[in-house]
Amino acid sequence: MFTLLRQKSLIFLLPFLLLYCSQMKTGVKPEGLIENSPMLSEKGEPNSLAYYHYILAQLKSHDGNLEGTIDELRRTLSYDPRAASLHVELAHWYIKKGLVTEAIEECKEALTINKNFVPAHFVLGGLYSTLKKTPLAIEHYQEVLKIDPQNQQAYLYLGSLYRESQQYDKAIEILQDLIDLSPNNIMGLYYLGRTHAEMKKFEESIGYYEKALSIEPDFISSLIDLGTIYEIQTKPEKAIEIYQRVLKIDSKNKMARDRLGQLYITKNQWEDALTQYREIRKFDSEDLDIRVKMGLIFFEQAKYDDAILEFSFVLASNPKDDKVRFYLATSYVKKENYDQAIAEYMKIPEESDLYVDSMEAVAFIFEDLGRLDEAIDLLGRSIRIKPKETDLYLLLSSFYEKGNQMEKALEVLTRAHQFDEKNVALLFHEGIIYDKLGKFEEMVRLMREVITLHPEHADALNYLGYTFADKGIHLDEALALIQKALKLKPDSGYITDSLGWVYYQKGEYEKAIEELERAIELTPDDPIITEHLGDGYLKVNLVEKALELYERALQLKPKEDQLNRLRKKIKEIEAKKGGPS
């Protein structure tokens, strides 16, 4: 008993069989059969079984029956093994099934039957290209051009392969041959544009893209590439104009809207960027990357509630996106919702690249909340989980330092050295701790080691130079160290202050004042720099200016030792003026 599917197949097959019978009677050969094909009998008549199975293959193909189609084509070939076109057709079905090796073998078989069978060369070229066997792919497209020098598609594929394998001269030569053959071939012009763009010959590239667009003004691929080149050339206005032109052709072109959004971001045109991303969201609400970008824009605009909504939407769909969770937690920090921020940071797993950053962020929250012991405890646990992460040691040491636990701060850095004994950040901070412990020689040794390992470590150069200057020793060396540091960080108010201070200690007060005035312009709210400039003015008898600066320094929350020093200086000036004691 026939199934419904078989009945359907027979219903479709009946007209073909009737047609076949009528052709047998009249001697008319079915279209597509070639002389000497085994599908024809010795009398030149169609091979009925081959034809029957071929029709069945077409029917199964129509029904979407992949296995059945392949099976019937194999049966067809068993009756007609020398039909090159059937081998290629079977190869196409093998490709659909993912059987690449079998597809290649069928095409090779077709070429043993007819070495000039162009479709087989094309399929093999495509397969070898997909398999990254570029030389073999090139070989088959070259064969096509030997067989059919007018085949424009072969020129395009061959030129594209040369470009992808960075054989740019060959790519240009073959594509130019295509343009000589067909001057208005827009794909040839397009690929010439891409080839020149990859060679960074942007003006030539622009010329080809524009020529393609003069033939086909709505050729979006050329417009997108042209916009990208203008971006590379830092011509954002031209790029924006191109992408807007794309959107007039296709308002839902995602790439153009995305690129426009990125360009507006670089120009800090946040609302214009959001407009583009909102449009994308209308026709692709599930694009999580767009939601992340919108969240980051809201974050930049300090619209933290909106940022939180976008990041939360993304995490609802992809809860394992650690980067977005980090953004969400940071947004909660900005909202001063510290409990929620901590909760989100703590969800980031140990294996994440953001784990260390997250634990450091939580530690900073604890510090800001005055919960330094919890920060220290968290960092200690984090170090046990990530014992080779030197940043954790540095932060833990700094917290011990803030708690005036210098020996513990030093011990943490010493522990870190077992994993990286030449780490300049560890050595630098270790030197600072030794300085605070009053171990001057150890500090000098470590700072010199840092400078030896990293001669352009501006902070080490400045620290050592300033320390010498502040003690009034090795002033020439101090000057050289600080000048080198300032070349590395020319806009640093602190290093500029160091330079002014070494001139002060050398008795070169005019030079000192010049540098200290510049330092206070760069860093106006530092009490030490403010006091130093006051000292400089006092040395050149600008007493009122000195007094003004000392009083200003008092308002900048100096530490207790500086506070006492400033009060003493003010008192001495007032006493000399006969003012209040």
Protein backbone atom coordinates (compact mmCIF):
# COMPACT_ATOMS: atom_id res chain seq x y z
CA MET A 1 0.00 0.00 0.00
CA PHE A 2 1.44 3.35 -1.03
CA THR A 3 2.03 6.05 1.56
CA LEU A 4 0.67 9.53 0.91
CA LEU A 5 4.16 10.72 -0.09
CA ARG A 6 4.57 7.94 -2.62
CA GLN A 7 1.14 8.69 -4.09
CA LYS A 8 2.16 12.33 -4.41
CA SER A 9 5.41 11.33 -6.15
CA LEU A 10 3.59 9.13 -8.62
CA ILE A 11 1.06 11.86 -9.40
CA PHE A 12 3.92 14.24 -10.24
CA LEU A 13 5.85 11.54 -12.08
CA LEU A 14 3.00 10.43 -14.36
CA PRO A 15 3.11 13.43 -16.75
CA PHE A 16 6.89 12.99 -17.18
CA LEU A 17 6.52 9.30 -17.97
CA LEU A 18 3.77 10.05 -20.48
CA LEU A 19 5.99 12.67 -22.09
CA TYR A 20 8.87 10.18 -22.18
CA CYS A 21 6.71 7.53 -23.88
CA SER A 22 5.51 9.98 -26.51
CA GLN A 23 9.11 11.00 -27.19
CA MET A 24 10.11 7.35 -27.61
CA LYS A 25 7.40 6.91 -30.18
CA THR A 26 8.26 10.04 -32.14
CA GLY A 27 12.04 9.61 -31.84
CA VAL A 28 12.47 13.02 -30.13
CA LYS A 29 15.32 13.03 -27.57
CA PRO A 30 14.71 14.67 -24.19
CA GLU A 31 16.38 18.07 -23.91
CA GLY A 32 19.83 17.98 -22.30
CA LEU A 33 20.87 14.48 -23.44
CA ILE A 34 24.08 14.45 -25.44
CA GLU A 35 25.31 12.18 -28.18
CA ASN A 36 27.28 9.12 -26.97
CA SER A 37 25.86 9.48 -23.45
CA PRO A 38 25.09 6.13 -21.79
CA MET A 39 21.69 7.70 -21.11
CA LEU A 40 21.12 6.92 -24.80
CA SER A 41 20.94 3.36 -26.08
CA GLU A 42 23.08 2.09 -28.93
CA LYS A 43 20.26 3.20 -31.21
CA GLY A 44 20.47 6.77 -29.84
CA GLU A 45 17.36 6.35 -27.75
CA PRO A 46 17.10 7.57 -24.12
CA ASN A 47 18.14 5.18 -21.36
CA SER A 48 14.76 4.83 -19.69
CA LEU A 49 16.05 3.78 -16.25
CA ALA A 50 18.55 6.64 -16.03
CA TYR A 51 15.90 9.11 -17.07
CA TYR A 52 13.36 7.59 -14.66
CA HIS A 53 15.71 7.95 -11.64
CA TYR A 54 16.71 11.46 -12.70
CA ILE A 55 13.04 12.52 -12.68
CA LEU A 56 12.64 10.92 -9.27
CA ALA A 57 15.65 12.92 -8.06
CA GLN A 58 13.99 16.13 -9.23
CA LEU A 59 10.78 15.23 -7.43
CA LYS A 60 12.59 14.43 -4.18
CA SER A 61 14.53 17.66 -4.57
CA HIS A 62 11.23 19.52 -4.91
CA ASP A 63 10.02 17.88 -1.69
CA GLY A 64 13.21 18.88 0.15
CA ASN A 65 14.30 15.26 0.55
CA LEU A 66 18.09 15.63 0.58
CA GLU A 67 18.92 11.96 1.18
CA GLY A 68 16.39 10.81 -1.43
CA THR A 69 17.73 13.26 -4.03
CA ILE A 70 21.31 12.06 -3.54
CA ASP A 71 20.18 8.44 -3.66
CA GLU A 72 18.30 8.90 -6.93
CA LEU A 73 21.16 10.82 -8.54
CA ARG A 74 23.52 7.97 -7.62
CA ARG A 75 21.12 5.53 -9.25
CA THR A 76 20.97 7.78 -12.31
CA LEU A 77 24.76 7.75 -12.52
CA SER A 78 24.81 3.96 -12.25
CA TYR A 79 22.99 3.93 -15.59
CA ASP A 80 24.74 7.01 -16.99
CA PRO A 81 28.22 7.14 -15.37
CA ARG A 82 29.75 9.31 -18.09
CA ALA A 83 27.35 12.27 -17.74
CA ALA A 84 29.71 14.99 -16.44
CA SER A 85 26.83 17.32 -15.62
CA LEU A 86 25.24 14.66 -13.38
CA HIS A 87 28.48 14.30 -11.40
CA VAL A 88 28.53 18.05 -10.83
CA GLU A 89 24.86 18.09 -9.89
CA LEU A 90 25.47 15.33 -7.35
CA ALA A 91 28.44 17.35 -6.03
CA HIS A 92 26.10 20.28 -5.35
CA TRP A 93 23.85 18.03 -3.25
CA TYR A 94 26.84 16.62 -1.39
CA ILE A 95 27.85 20.20 -0.56
CA LYS A 96 24.37 20.88 0.85
CA LYS A 97 24.82 17.85 3.08
CA GLY A 98 28.31 18.95 4.14
CA LEU A 99 30.06 16.09 2.35
CA VAL A 100 32.88 18.16 0.88
CA THR A 101 35.26 15.29 0.14
CA GLU A 102 32.56 13.42 -1.80
CA ALA A 103 31.70 16.62 -3.72
CA ILE A 104 35.34 17.06 -4.73
CA GLU A 105 35.54 13.48 -5.94
CA GLU A 106 32.43 13.89 -8.09
CA CYS A 107 33.85 17.02 -9.73
CA LYS A 108 37.16 15.30 -10.36
CA GLU A 109 35.25 12.44 -11.98
CA ALA A 110 33.44 14.94 -14.19
CA LEU A 111 36.79 16.31 -15.34
CA THR A 112 38.10 12.84 -16.19
CA ILE A 113 35.10 12.56 -18.50
CA ASN A 114 35.50 16.09 -19.90
CA LYS A 115 38.57 18.06 -18.78
CA ASN A 116 37.05 21.24 -20.25
CA PHE A 117 33.78 21.00 -18.31
CA VAL A 118 33.62 24.53 -16.88
CA PRO A 119 30.99 23.90 -14.14
CA ALA A 120 33.24 21.28 -12.54
CA HIS A 121 36.17 23.71 -12.48
CA PHE A 122 33.96 26.36 -10.88
CA VAL A 123 32.71 24.05 -8.14
CA LEU A 124 36.23 22.80 -7.39
CA GLY A 125 37.52 26.38 -7.32
CA GLY A 126 34.85 27.32 -4.81
CA LEU A 127 35.44 24.27 -2.62
CA TYR A 128 39.21 24.69 -2.53
CA SER A 129 38.75 28.39 -1.75
CA THR A 130 36.50 27.50 1.20
CA LEU A 131 39.06 24.95 2.40
CA LYS A 132 41.76 27.66 2.22
CA LYS A 133 43.57 25.66 -0.47
CA THR A 134 44.08 28.83 -2.46
CA PRO A 135 46.68 27.57 -5.01
CA LEU A 136 44.35 24.74 -6.07
CA ALA A 137 41.39 27.12 -6.31
CA ILE A 138 43.45 29.52 -8.44
CA GLU A 139 44.48 26.64 -10.71
CA HIS A 140 40.85 25.77 -11.53
CA TYR A 141 39.80 29.36 -12.25
CA GLN A 142 42.83 29.71 -14.51
CA GLU A 143 41.66 26.60 -16.36
CA VAL A 144 38.24 28.20 -16.84
CA LEU A 145 39.87 31.21 -18.47
CA LYS A 146 41.91 28.98 -20.76
CA ILE A 147 38.69 27.25 -21.85
CA ASP A 148 36.56 30.41 -21.92
CA PRO A 149 38.62 33.65 -21.99
CA GLN A 150 35.38 35.66 -21.93
CA ASN A 151 34.16 34.21 -18.63
CA GLN A 152 33.81 37.32 -16.45
CA GLN A 153 32.91 35.39 -13.30
CA ALA A 154 36.23 33.53 -13.44
CA TYR A 155 38.13 36.83 -13.61
CA LEU A 156 36.28 38.02 -10.49
CA TYR A 157 36.92 34.86 -8.48
CA LEU A 158 40.55 34.70 -9.54
CA GLY A 159 41.17 38.37 -8.74
CA SER A 160 39.48 37.97 -5.36
CA LEU A 161 41.66 34.97 -4.50
CA TYR A 162 44.83 36.84 -5.43
CA ARG A 163 43.69 39.73 -3.23
CA GLU A 164 42.85 37.48 -0.28
CA SER A 165 46.28 35.83 -0.53
CA GLN A 166 47.85 39.34 -0.72
CA GLN A 167 49.14 38.78 -4.24
CA TYR A 168 48.01 42.30 -5.00
CA ASP A 169 49.88 42.83 -8.27
CA LYS A 170 48.36 39.66 -9.75
CA ALA A 171 44.93 40.66 -8.45
CA ILE A 172 45.17 44.06 -10.12
CA GLU A 173 46.42 42.52 -13.37
CA ILE A 174 43.57 39.98 -13.64
CA LEU A 175 40.90 42.47 -12.60
CA GLN A 176 42.22 45.02 -15.05
CA ASP A 177 41.98 42.36 -17.76
CA LEU A 178 38.31 42.02 -16.80
CA ILE A 179 37.76 45.78 -17.08
CA ASP A 180 39.47 45.78 -20.48
CA LEU A 181 37.03 43.05 -21.50
CA SER A 182 34.00 44.71 -19.86
CA PRO A 183 34.65 48.37 -18.89
CA ASN A 184 31.38 48.72 -16.96
CA ASN A 185 31.73 45.57 -14.88
CA ILE A 186 30.93 47.09 -11.49
CA MET A 187 32.14 44.06 -9.53
CA GLY A 188 35.49 44.27 -11.28
CA LEU A 189 35.73 47.95 -10.38
CA TYR A 190 34.62 47.17 -6.83
CA TYR A 191 37.30 44.52 -6.29
CA LEU A 192 39.94 46.80 -7.80
CA GLY A 193 38.85 49.35 -5.21
CA ARG A 194 39.15 46.80 -2.39
CA THR A 195 42.54 45.62 -3.59
CA HIS A 196 43.96 49.14 -3.66
CA ALA A 197 42.40 49.85 -0.25
CA GLU A 198 44.17 46.84 1.26
CA MET A 199 47.39 48.14 -0.26
CA LYS A 200 46.62 51.44 1.52
CA LYS A 201 46.50 53.18 -1.86
CA PHE A 202 43.38 55.00 -0.82
CA GLU A 203 43.16 57.62 -3.56
CA GLU A 204 43.30 54.96 -6.28
CA SER A 205 40.77 52.92 -4.33
CA ILE A 206 38.38 55.87 -4.07
CA GLY A 207 38.65 56.34 -7.83
CA TYR A 208 37.51 52.78 -8.55
CA TYR A 209 34.66 52.95 -6.03
CA GLU A 210 33.45 56.23 -7.49
CA LYS A 211 33.59 54.83 -11.02
CA ALA A 212 31.50 51.83 -9.90
CA LEU A 213 29.04 54.24 -8.30
CA SER A 214 28.83 56.33 -11.47
CA ILE A 215 27.54 53.19 -13.20
CA GLU A 216 25.36 51.98 -10.30
CA PRO A 217 24.69 54.85 -7.83
CA ASP A 218 22.88 52.54 -5.41
CA PHE A 219 25.77 50.05 -5.12
CA ILE A 220 25.79 49.80 -1.32
CA SER A 221 28.97 47.70 -0.96
CA SER A 222 30.98 50.40 -2.73
CA LEU A 223 29.43 53.09 -0.56
CA ILE A 224 30.18 51.23 2.68
CA ASP A 225 33.80 50.65 1.66
CA LEU A 226 34.13 54.26 0.60
CA GLY A 227 32.83 55.41 3.98
CA THR A 228 35.34 53.14 5.72
CA ILE A 229 38.21 54.67 3.74
CA TYR A 230 37.12 58.16 4.74
CA GLU A 231 37.12 57.00 8.36
CA ILE A 232 40.68 55.67 7.95
CA GLN A 233 41.68 58.99 6.41
CA THR A 234 40.13 60.75 9.44
CA LYS A 235 37.56 62.50 7.26
CA PRO A 236 34.52 61.88 9.48
CA GLU A 237 32.25 64.39 7.74
CA LYS A 238 32.73 62.69 4.37
CA ALA A 239 32.18 59.28 5.97
CA ILE A 240 28.97 60.51 7.61
CA GLU A 241 27.75 61.86 4.27
CA ILE A 242 28.40 58.47 2.61
CA TYR A 243 26.62 56.46 5.31
CA GLN A 244 23.64 58.83 5.19
CA ARG A 245 23.53 58.23 1.46
CA VAL A 246 23.38 54.48 2.12
CA LEU A 247 20.43 54.99 4.46
CA LYS A 248 18.52 56.87 1.77
CA ILE A 249 18.82 53.72 -0.35
CA ASP A 250 18.22 51.26 2.49
CA SER A 251 16.97 52.75 5.75
CA LYS A 252 17.48 49.42 7.51
CA ASN A 253 21.12 49.02 6.57
CA LYS A 254 22.55 47.97 9.90
CA MET A 255 26.20 48.47 9.04
CA ALA A 256 25.67 52.05 7.89
CA ARG A 257 23.69 52.94 11.02
CA ASP A 258 26.25 51.27 13.26
CA ARG A 259 29.15 53.08 11.58
CA LEU A 260 27.25 56.37 11.84
CA GLY A 261 26.70 55.71 15.53
CA GLN A 262 30.41 55.07 16.06
CA LEU A 263 31.33 58.26 14.22
CA TYR A 264 28.93 60.33 16.30
CA ILE A 265 30.44 58.80 19.45
CA THR A 266 33.93 59.93 18.41
CA LYS A 267 32.50 63.43 18.00
CA ASN A 268 30.74 63.22 21.40
CA GLN A 269 27.41 63.63 19.61
CA TRP A 270 25.71 61.23 22.00
CA GLU A 271 22.11 61.91 20.98
CA ASP A 272 22.88 61.50 17.27
CA ALA A 273 24.55 58.18 18.05
CA LEU A 274 21.58 57.07 20.12
CA THR A 275 19.24 57.95 17.24
CA GLN A 276 21.08 55.49 15.00
CA TYR A 277 21.09 52.72 17.59
CA ARG A 278 17.41 53.25 18.39
CA GLU A 279 16.63 52.83 14.70
CA ILE A 280 18.57 49.57 14.63
CA ARG A 281 16.70 48.43 17.74
CA LYS A 282 13.38 48.97 15.92
CA PHE A 283 14.13 46.31 13.32
CA ASP A 284 16.54 44.18 15.36
CA SER A 285 15.55 44.37 19.00
CA GLU A 286 17.59 41.28 19.84
CA ASP A 287 20.96 42.76 18.80
CA LEU A 288 22.70 42.74 22.17
CA ASP A 289 25.79 44.62 20.92
CA ILE A 290 23.60 47.59 20.06
CA ARG A 291 22.04 47.50 23.53
CA VAL A 292 25.52 47.49 25.08
CA LYS A 293 26.54 50.50 22.99
CA MET A 294 23.40 52.34 24.04
CA GLY A 295 24.15 51.51 27.66
CA LEU A 296 27.69 52.89 27.36
CA ILE A 297 26.38 56.10 25.80
CA PHE A 298 23.90 56.52 28.65
CA PHE A 299 26.79 55.94 31.06
CA GLU A 300 28.83 58.69 29.36
CA GLN A 301 25.80 60.98 29.64
CA ALA A 302 25.53 60.16 33.35
CA LYS A 303 22.07 58.69 32.66
CA TYR A 304 22.84 55.76 34.92
CA ASP A 305 19.25 54.50 35.26
CA ASP A 306 19.00 54.14 31.48
CA ALA A 307 22.42 52.49 31.35
CA ILE A 308 21.34 50.01 34.02
CA LEU A 309 18.20 49.14 32.02
CA GLU A 310 20.20 48.40 28.87
CA PHE A 311 22.89 46.36 30.63
CA SER A 312 20.23 44.42 32.57
CA PHE A 313 18.41 43.61 29.31
CA VAL A 314 21.60 42.19 27.83
CA LEU A 315 22.35 40.13 30.94
CA ALA A 316 18.82 38.71 30.95
CA SER A 317 19.61 37.20 27.54
CA ASN A 318 23.28 36.45 28.20
CA PRO A 319 23.98 36.19 31.94
CA LYS A 320 27.56 35.02 31.30
CA ASP A 321 28.64 38.30 29.69
CA ASP A 322 31.14 39.40 32.35
CA LYS A 323 32.03 42.63 30.59
CA VAL A 324 28.42 43.84 30.60
CA ARG A 325 28.04 42.78 34.24
CA PHE A 326 31.12 44.87 35.04
CA TYR A 327 29.51 47.84 33.26
CA LEU A 328 26.30 47.26 35.23
CA ALA A 329 28.15 47.14 38.55
CA THR A 330 30.06 50.32 37.70
CA SER A 331 26.77 52.04 36.86
CA TYR A 332 25.48 51.13 40.32
CA VAL A 333 28.67 52.65 41.81
CA LYS A 334 27.89 55.89 40.01
CA LYS A 335 24.39 55.75 41.49
CA GLU A 336 26.02 55.20 44.90
CA ASN A 337 24.02 52.00 45.17
CA TYR A 338 27.02 50.24 46.65
CA ASP A 339 25.27 47.10 47.87
CA GLN A 340 23.95 46.35 44.37
CA ALA A 341 27.32 47.22 42.84
CA ILE A 342 29.12 44.83 45.17
CA ALA A 343 26.55 42.11 44.43
CA GLU A 344 27.14 42.43 40.67
CA TYR A 345 30.93 42.56 40.93
CA MET A 346 30.90 39.46 43.13
CA LYS A 347 28.97 37.51 40.44
CA ILE A 348 31.95 37.72 38.09
CA PRO A 349 33.59 34.27 38.25
CA GLU A 350 37.19 33.51 39.17
CA GLU A 351 38.03 32.35 35.63
CA SER A 352 36.94 35.66 34.09
CA ASP A 353 39.50 38.11 32.76
CA LEU A 354 37.61 40.75 34.77
CA TYR A 355 37.77 38.92 38.09
CA VAL A 356 40.78 40.84 39.40
CA ASP A 357 39.36 44.19 38.26
CA SER A 358 36.07 43.34 39.94
CA MET A 359 37.67 42.44 43.26
CA GLU A 360 39.74 45.63 43.16
CA ALA A 361 36.58 47.64 42.47
CA VAL A 362 34.85 46.09 45.49
CA ALA A 363 37.94 46.78 47.62
CA PHE A 364 37.83 50.46 46.61
CA ILE A 365 34.13 50.60 47.53
CA PHE A 366 34.95 49.18 50.98
CA GLU A 367 37.72 51.78 51.34
CA ASP A 368 35.37 54.64 50.40
CA LEU A 369 32.84 53.36 52.94
CA GLY A 370 35.52 53.31 55.63
CA ARG A 371 35.52 49.52 55.75
CA LEU A 372 39.25 49.12 55.21
CA ASP A 373 39.43 45.82 57.11
CA GLU A 374 36.88 44.28 54.72
CA ALA A 375 38.88 45.57 51.76
CA ILE A 376 42.03 43.97 53.15
CA ASP A 377 40.21 40.69 53.85
CA LEU A 378 38.75 40.59 50.32
CA LEU A 379 42.13 41.22 48.70
CA GLY A 380 43.73 38.53 50.85
CA ARG A 381 41.11 36.00 49.68
CA SER A 382 41.54 37.15 46.08
CA ILE A 383 45.30 36.62 46.27
CA ARG A 384 44.74 33.04 47.47
CA ILE A 385 42.60 32.48 44.37
CA LYS A 386 44.91 34.40 41.98
CA PRO A 387 48.36 34.15 43.63
CA LYS A 388 50.25 35.44 40.59
CA GLU A 389 48.26 38.65 40.05
CA THR A 390 50.71 41.35 41.16
CA ASP A 391 48.09 44.11 40.97
CA LEU A 392 46.27 42.52 43.91
CA TYR A 393 49.45 42.60 46.00
CA LEU A 394 50.07 46.24 45.08
CA LEU A 395 46.57 47.27 46.12
CA LEU A 396 46.67 45.28 49.34
CA SER A 397 50.04 46.81 50.20
CA SER A 398 48.66 50.30 49.55
CA PHE A 399 45.75 49.65 51.93
CA TYR A 400 48.13 48.51 54.67
CA GLU A 401 50.14 51.66 53.95
CA LYS A 402 47.02 53.83 54.34
CA GLY A 403 46.38 52.07 57.64
CA ASN A 404 49.95 52.94 58.64
CA GLN A 405 50.84 49.24 58.79
CA MET A 406 54.11 49.67 56.94
CA GLU A 407 55.67 46.34 57.92
CA LYS A 408 52.64 44.45 56.61
CA ALA A 409 52.68 46.57 53.44
CA LEU A 410 56.31 45.58 52.91
CA GLU A 411 55.65 41.91 53.66
CA VAL A 412 52.92 41.77 50.99
CA LEU A 413 55.28 43.18 48.35
CA THR A 414 58.02 40.76 49.39
CA ARG A 415 55.58 37.86 48.92
CA ALA A 416 54.73 39.10 45.43
CA HIS A 417 58.39 39.04 44.42
CA GLN A 418 58.44 35.24 44.46
CA PHE A 419 56.30 35.32 41.31
CA ASP A 420 57.95 38.29 39.61
CA GLU A 421 61.15 39.52 41.25
CA LYS A 422 61.93 42.05 38.53
CA ASN A 423 58.49 43.66 38.46
CA VAL A 424 59.23 47.39 38.43
CA ALA A 425 55.85 48.36 39.92
CA LEU A 426 56.53 46.13 42.93
CA LEU A 427 60.09 47.43 43.31
CA PHE A 428 58.94 51.06 43.01
CA HIS A 429 56.27 50.72 45.69
CA GLU A 430 58.63 48.73 47.89
CA GLY A 431 61.05 51.65 47.65
CA ILE A 432 58.33 54.07 48.78
CA ILE A 433 57.52 51.87 51.82
CA TYR A 434 61.18 51.73 52.80
CA ASP A 435 61.31 55.53 52.52
CA LYS A 436 58.33 55.85 54.86
CA LEU A 437 60.01 53.44 57.25
CA GLY A 438 62.99 55.77 57.27
CA LYS A 439 65.25 53.30 55.45
CA PHE A 440 66.74 55.81 53.05
CA GLU A 441 69.54 53.66 51.63
CA GLU A 442 67.13 50.81 50.83
CA MET A 443 64.84 53.27 49.05
CA VAL A 444 67.71 54.62 46.96
CA ARG A 445 68.85 51.08 46.07
CA LEU A 446 65.38 50.06 44.91
CA MET A 447 64.75 53.25 42.92
CA ARG A 448 68.08 52.82 41.15
CA GLU A 449 67.14 49.19 40.39
CA VAL A 450 63.82 50.36 38.91
CA ILE A 451 65.63 52.93 36.74
CA THR A 452 68.14 50.29 35.61
CA LEU A 453 65.34 47.90 34.61
CA HIS A 454 63.21 50.66 33.12
CA PRO A 455 65.28 53.77 32.28
CA GLU A 456 62.16 55.71 31.30
CA HIS A 457 60.24 55.14 34.53
CA ALA A 458 59.33 58.80 35.05
CA ASP A 459 57.92 58.30 38.56
CA ALA A 460 61.07 56.56 39.84
CA LEU A 461 63.27 59.24 38.28
CA ASN A 462 61.20 61.97 39.89
CA TYR A 463 60.93 60.24 43.28
CA LEU A 464 64.65 59.77 43.61
CA GLY A 465 65.45 63.23 42.24
CA TYR A 466 62.93 64.97 44.51
CA THR A 467 64.11 63.04 47.56
CA PHE A 468 67.70 64.15 46.91
CA ALA A 469 66.52 67.73 46.37
CA ASP A 470 64.39 67.74 49.51
CA LYS A 471 67.38 66.55 51.54
CA GLY A 472 69.66 69.04 49.79
CA ILE A 473 72.06 66.31 48.57
CA HIS A 474 73.33 65.18 45.16
CA LEU A 475 71.64 68.24 43.64
CA ASP A 476 73.27 67.94 40.21
CA GLU A 477 72.18 64.32 39.94
CA ALA A 478 68.74 65.29 41.24
CA LEU A 479 68.45 67.93 38.51
CA ALA A 480 69.41 65.44 35.79
CA LEU A 481 66.95 62.83 37.08
CA ILE A 482 64.06 65.30 37.27
CA GLN A 483 64.78 66.85 33.86
CA LYS A 484 64.69 63.38 32.30
CA ALA A 485 61.42 62.63 34.10
CA LEU A 486 59.91 65.88 32.84
CA LYS A 487 60.81 65.04 29.24
CA LEU A 488 58.81 61.85 29.68
CA LYS A 489 55.86 63.61 31.36
CA PRO A 490 56.06 67.26 30.30
CA ASP A 491 52.60 68.16 31.64
CA SER A 492 53.06 66.74 35.12
CA GLY A 493 52.58 69.40 37.78
CA TYR A 494 54.31 67.23 40.37
CA ILE A 495 57.47 66.69 38.32
CA THR A 496 57.51 70.39 37.39
CA ASP A 497 57.32 71.14 41.13
CA SER A 498 60.30 68.84 41.67
CA LEU A 499 62.30 70.79 39.10
CA GLY A 500 61.38 74.07 40.76
CA TRP A 501 62.34 72.64 44.14
CA VAL A 502 65.78 71.46 43.03
CA TYR A 503 66.45 74.96 41.63
CA TYR A 504 65.30 76.37 44.98
CA GLN A 505 67.72 74.10 46.84
CA LYS A 506 70.53 75.16 44.48
CA GLY A 507 69.76 78.79 45.30
CA GLU A 508 68.54 79.60 41.77
CA TYR A 509 65.37 81.27 42.99
CA GLU A 510 64.24 82.97 39.77
CA LYS A 511 64.38 79.66 37.92
CA ALA A 512 62.66 78.01 40.86
CA ILE A 513 59.77 80.51 40.81
CA GLU A 514 59.34 80.13 37.05
CA GLU A 515 58.98 76.36 37.33
CA LEU A 516 56.85 76.48 40.49
CA GLU A 517 54.42 78.95 38.92
CA ARG A 518 54.03 76.58 36.01
CA ALA A 519 53.58 73.66 38.42
CA ILE A 520 50.74 75.41 40.24
CA GLU A 521 49.04 76.14 36.92
CA LEU A 522 49.18 72.44 36.10
CA THR A 523 48.16 71.28 39.60
CA PRO A 524 46.46 74.18 41.42
CA ASP A 525 45.06 72.27 44.40
CA ASP A 526 48.16 70.62 45.83
CA PRO A 527 49.25 72.03 49.21
CA ILE A 528 52.93 71.06 48.82
CA ILE A 529 53.31 72.79 45.44
CA THR A 530 51.49 75.84 46.83
CA GLU A 531 53.84 75.98 49.82
CA HIS A 532 56.91 75.58 47.62
CA LEU A 533 55.93 78.59 45.50
CA GLY A 534 55.37 80.56 48.69
CA ASP A 535 58.90 79.62 49.79
CA GLY A 536 60.24 80.82 46.44
CA TYR A 537 58.46 84.19 46.73
CA LEU A 538 59.73 84.58 50.29
CA LYS A 539 63.35 84.13 49.12
CA VAL A 540 63.00 87.05 46.69
CA ASN A 541 61.22 89.21 49.31
CA LEU A 542 57.75 88.93 47.78
CA VAL A 543 56.42 88.53 51.29
CA GLU A 544 52.75 89.30 50.62
CA LYS A 545 52.63 86.76 47.80
CA ALA A 546 54.32 84.21 50.03
CA LEU A 547 51.82 84.84 52.83
CA GLU A 548 48.90 84.54 50.42
CA LEU A 549 50.15 81.16 49.19
CA TYR A 550 50.79 79.82 52.68
CA GLU A 551 47.26 80.75 53.68
CA ARG A 552 45.89 79.14 50.51
CA ALA A 553 47.86 75.97 51.26
CA LEU A 554 46.15 75.83 54.65
CA GLN A 555 42.79 75.56 52.86
CA LEU A 556 43.96 72.58 50.76
CA LYS A 557 43.79 70.06 53.61
CA PRO A 558 47.52 69.51 54.22
CA LYS A 559 48.75 66.66 56.41
CA GLU A 560 49.47 67.43 60.03
CA ASP A 561 53.24 67.94 59.71
CA GLN A 562 52.75 70.39 56.81
CA LEU A 563 49.89 72.07 58.65
CA ASN A 564 52.16 72.83 61.61
CA ARG A 565 54.92 74.01 59.29
CA LEU A 566 52.62 76.39 57.44
CA ARG A 567 51.26 77.86 60.65
CA LYS A 568 54.80 78.48 61.85
CA LYS A 569 55.76 80.26 58.59
CA ILE A 570 52.65 82.44 58.70
CA LYS A 571 53.30 83.29 62.32
CA GLU A 572 56.88 84.32 61.55
CA ILE A 573 55.80 86.59 58.69
CA GLU A 574 53.07 88.18 60.82
CA ALA A 575 55.58 88.74 63.63
CA LYS A 576 58.01 90.54 61.32
CA LYS A 577 55.17 92.72 60.05
CA GLY A 578 54.19 93.51 63.62
CA GLY A 579 50.90 91.76 63.10
CA PRO A 580 49.07 89.31 65.33
CA SER A 581 51.32 86.90 67.17
